[in-house]
Every structure is written in structure tokens, then in C-alpha cells.
């Protein structure tokens, strides 16, 4: 089977705004 994991990555831009980015990891 194939598992798709959605991982939230903390990200702060140059303005100091805390934004959450999501990365999709496909695990075989």
C-alpha cells in the first residue's frame, strides 16, 4: 500500500509572520 503523510512545517517569513507549511510525504 501507499501511505501519504501530511506534515506541518513551522515557517517564519522575513516579516516575522508565523506560517505553517504542509509537506506531503509519500511512504511506499
PDB file of N, CA and C in Angstrom:
ATOM      1  N   UNK A   1       0.822  -1.207   0.000  1.00  0.00           N
ATOM      2  CA  UNK A   1       0.000   0.000   0.000  1.00  0.00           C
ATOM      3  C   UNK A   1       0.850   1.249   0.000  1.00  0.00           C
ATOM      4  N   UNK A   2       0.201   2.356  -0.210  1.00  0.00           N
ATOM      5  CA  UNK A   2       0.932   3.627  -0.212  1.00  0.00           C
ATOM      6  C   UNK A   2       0.337   4.564   0.832  1.00  0.00           C
ATOM      7  N   UNK A   3       1.199   5.084   1.683  1.00  0.00           N
ATOM      8  CA  UNK A   3       0.739   5.963   2.749  1.00  0.00           C
ATOM      9  C   UNK A   3       1.154   7.398   2.456  1.00  0.00           C
ATOM     10  N   UNK A   4       0.214   8.311   2.593  1.00  0.00           N
ATOM     11  CA  UNK A   4       0.535   9.719   2.383  1.00  0.00           C
ATOM     12  C   UNK A   4       0.462  10.441   3.726  1.00  0.00           C
ATOM     13  N   UNK A   5       1.581  10.975   4.160  1.00  0.00           N
ATOM     14  CA  UNK A   5       1.638  11.660   5.443  1.00  0.00           C
ATOM     15  C   UNK A   5       1.728  13.163   5.226  1.00  0.00           C
ATOM     16  N   UNK A   6       0.840  13.886   5.897  1.00  0.00           N
ATOM     17  CA  UNK A   6       0.845  15.339   5.777  1.00  0.00           C
ATOM     18  C   UNK A   6       1.522  15.927   7.009  1.00  0.00           C
ATOM     19  N   UNK A   7       2.701  16.505   6.808  1.00  0.00           N
ATOM     20  CA  UNK A   7       3.489  17.014   7.927  1.00  0.00           C
ATOM     21  C   UNK A   7       3.503  18.533   7.907  1.00  0.00           C
ATOM     22  N   UNK A   8       3.166  19.122   9.054  1.00  0.00           N
ATOM     23  CA  UNK A   8       3.160  20.581   9.141  1.00  0.00           C
ATOM     24  C   UNK A   8       4.546  21.080   9.527  1.00  0.00           C
ATOM     25  N   UNK A   9       5.076  21.990   8.720  1.00  0.00           N
ATOM     26  CA  UNK A   9       6.409  22.528   8.982  1.00  0.00           C
ATOM     27  C   UNK A   9       6.289  23.991   9.385  1.00  0.00           C
ATOM     28  N   UNK A  10       6.790  24.341  10.576  1.00  0.00           N
ATOM     29  CA  UNK A  10       6.746  25.736  11.024  1.00  0.00           C
ATOM     30  C   UNK A  10       7.613  26.604  10.124  1.00  0.00           C
ATOM     31  N   UNK A  11       7.066  27.727   9.716  1.00  0.00           N
ATOM     32  CA  UNK A  11       7.815  28.612   8.826  1.00  0.00           C
ATOM     33  C   UNK A  11       7.576  30.063   9.217  1.00  0.00           C
ATOM     34  N   UNK A  12       8.645  30.826   9.274  1.00  0.00           N
ATOM     35  CA  UNK A  12       8.546  32.246   9.602  1.00  0.00           C
ATOM     36  C   UNK A  12       9.164  33.052   8.467  1.00  0.00           C
ATOM     37  N   UNK A  13       8.368  33.962   7.896  1.00  0.00           N
ATOM     38  CA  UNK A  13       8.876  34.758   6.783  1.00  0.00           C
ATOM     39  C   UNK A  13       9.684  35.945   7.303  1.00  0.00           C
ATOM     40  N   UNK A  14      10.140  36.765   6.381  1.00  0.00           N
ATOM     41  CA  UNK A  14      11.010  37.883   6.760  1.00  0.00           C
ATOM     42  C   UNK A  14      10.268  38.961   7.535  1.00  0.00           C
ATOM     43  N   UNK A  15       8.933  38.935   7.477  1.00  0.00           N
ATOM     44  CA  UNK A  15       8.154  39.925   8.219  1.00  0.00           C
ATOM     45  C   UNK A  15       7.891  39.470   9.654  1.00  0.00           C
ATOM     46  N   UNK A  16       8.254  38.228   9.945  1.00  0.00           N
ATOM     47  CA  UNK A  16       8.071  37.716  11.295  1.00  0.00           C
ATOM     48  C   UNK A  16       6.716  37.065  11.485  1.00  0.00           C
ATOM     49  N   UNK A  17       6.051  36.794  10.364  1.00  0.00           N
ATOM     50  CA  UNK A  17       4.742  36.152  10.455  1.00  0.00           C
ATOM     51  C   UNK A  17       4.919  34.638  10.494  1.00  0.00           C
ATOM     52  N   UNK A  18       4.328  34.036  11.514  1.00  0.00           N
ATOM     53  CA  UNK A  18       4.451  32.590  11.659  1.00  0.00           C
ATOM     54  C   UNK A  18       3.423  31.906  10.777  1.00  0.00           C
ATOM     55  N   UNK A  19       3.904  31.206   9.768  1.00  0.00           N
ATOM     56  CA  UNK A  19       3.015  30.498   8.858  1.00  0.00           C
ATOM     57  C   UNK A  19       3.343  29.016   8.871  1.00  0.00           C
ATOM     58  N   UNK A  20       2.316  28.209   8.725  1.00  0.00           N
ATOM     59  CA  UNK A  20       2.529  26.765   8.715  1.00  0.00           C
ATOM     60  C   UNK A  20       2.530  26.242   7.294  1.00  0.00           C
ATOM     61  N   UNK A  21       3.565  25.532   6.940  1.00  0.00           N
ATOM     62  CA  UNK A  21       3.617  24.925   5.612  1.00  0.00           C
ATOM     63  C   UNK A  21       3.408  23.432   5.752  1.00  0.00           C
ATOM     64  N   UNK A  22       2.735  22.881   4.775  1.00  0.00           N
ATOM     65  CA  UNK A  22       2.469  21.445   4.823  1.00  0.00           C
ATOM     66  C   UNK A  22       3.258  20.734   3.731  1.00  0.00           C
ATOM     67  N   UNK A  23       3.957  19.684   4.159  1.00  0.00           N
ATOM     68  CA  UNK A  23       4.688  18.878   3.186  1.00  0.00           C
ATOM     69  C   UNK A  23       4.025  17.514   3.095  1.00  0.00           C
ATOM     70  N   UNK A  24       3.917  17.029   1.882  1.00  0.00           N
ATOM     71  CA  UNK A  24       3.297  15.722   1.685  1.00  0.00           C
ATOM     72  C   UNK A  24       4.381  14.675   1.465  1.00  0.00           C
ATOM     73  N   UNK A  25       4.450  13.712   2.380  1.00  0.00           N
ATOM     74  CA  UNK A  25       5.435  12.648   2.262  1.00  0.00           C
ATOM     75  C   UNK A  25       4.740  11.370   1.820  1.00  0.00           C
ATOM     76  N   UNK A  26       5.225  10.790   0.747  1.00  0.00           N
ATOM     77  CA  UNK A  26       4.657   9.530   0.268  1.00  0.00           C
ATOM     78  C   UNK A  26       5.563   8.379   0.695  1.00  0.00           C
ATOM     79  N   UNK A  27       5.014   7.519   1.544  1.00  0.00           N
ATOM     80  CA  UNK A  27       5.785   6.386   2.052  1.00  0.00           C
ATOM     81  C   UNK A  27       5.354   5.124   1.321  1.00  0.00           C
ATOM     82  N   UNK A  28       6.313   4.473   0.686  1.00  0.00           N
ATOM     83  CA  UNK A  28       5.982   3.262  -0.066  1.00  0.00           C
ATOM     84  C   UNK A  28       6.003   2.044   0.858  1.00  0.00           C
TER      85      UNK A  28
END
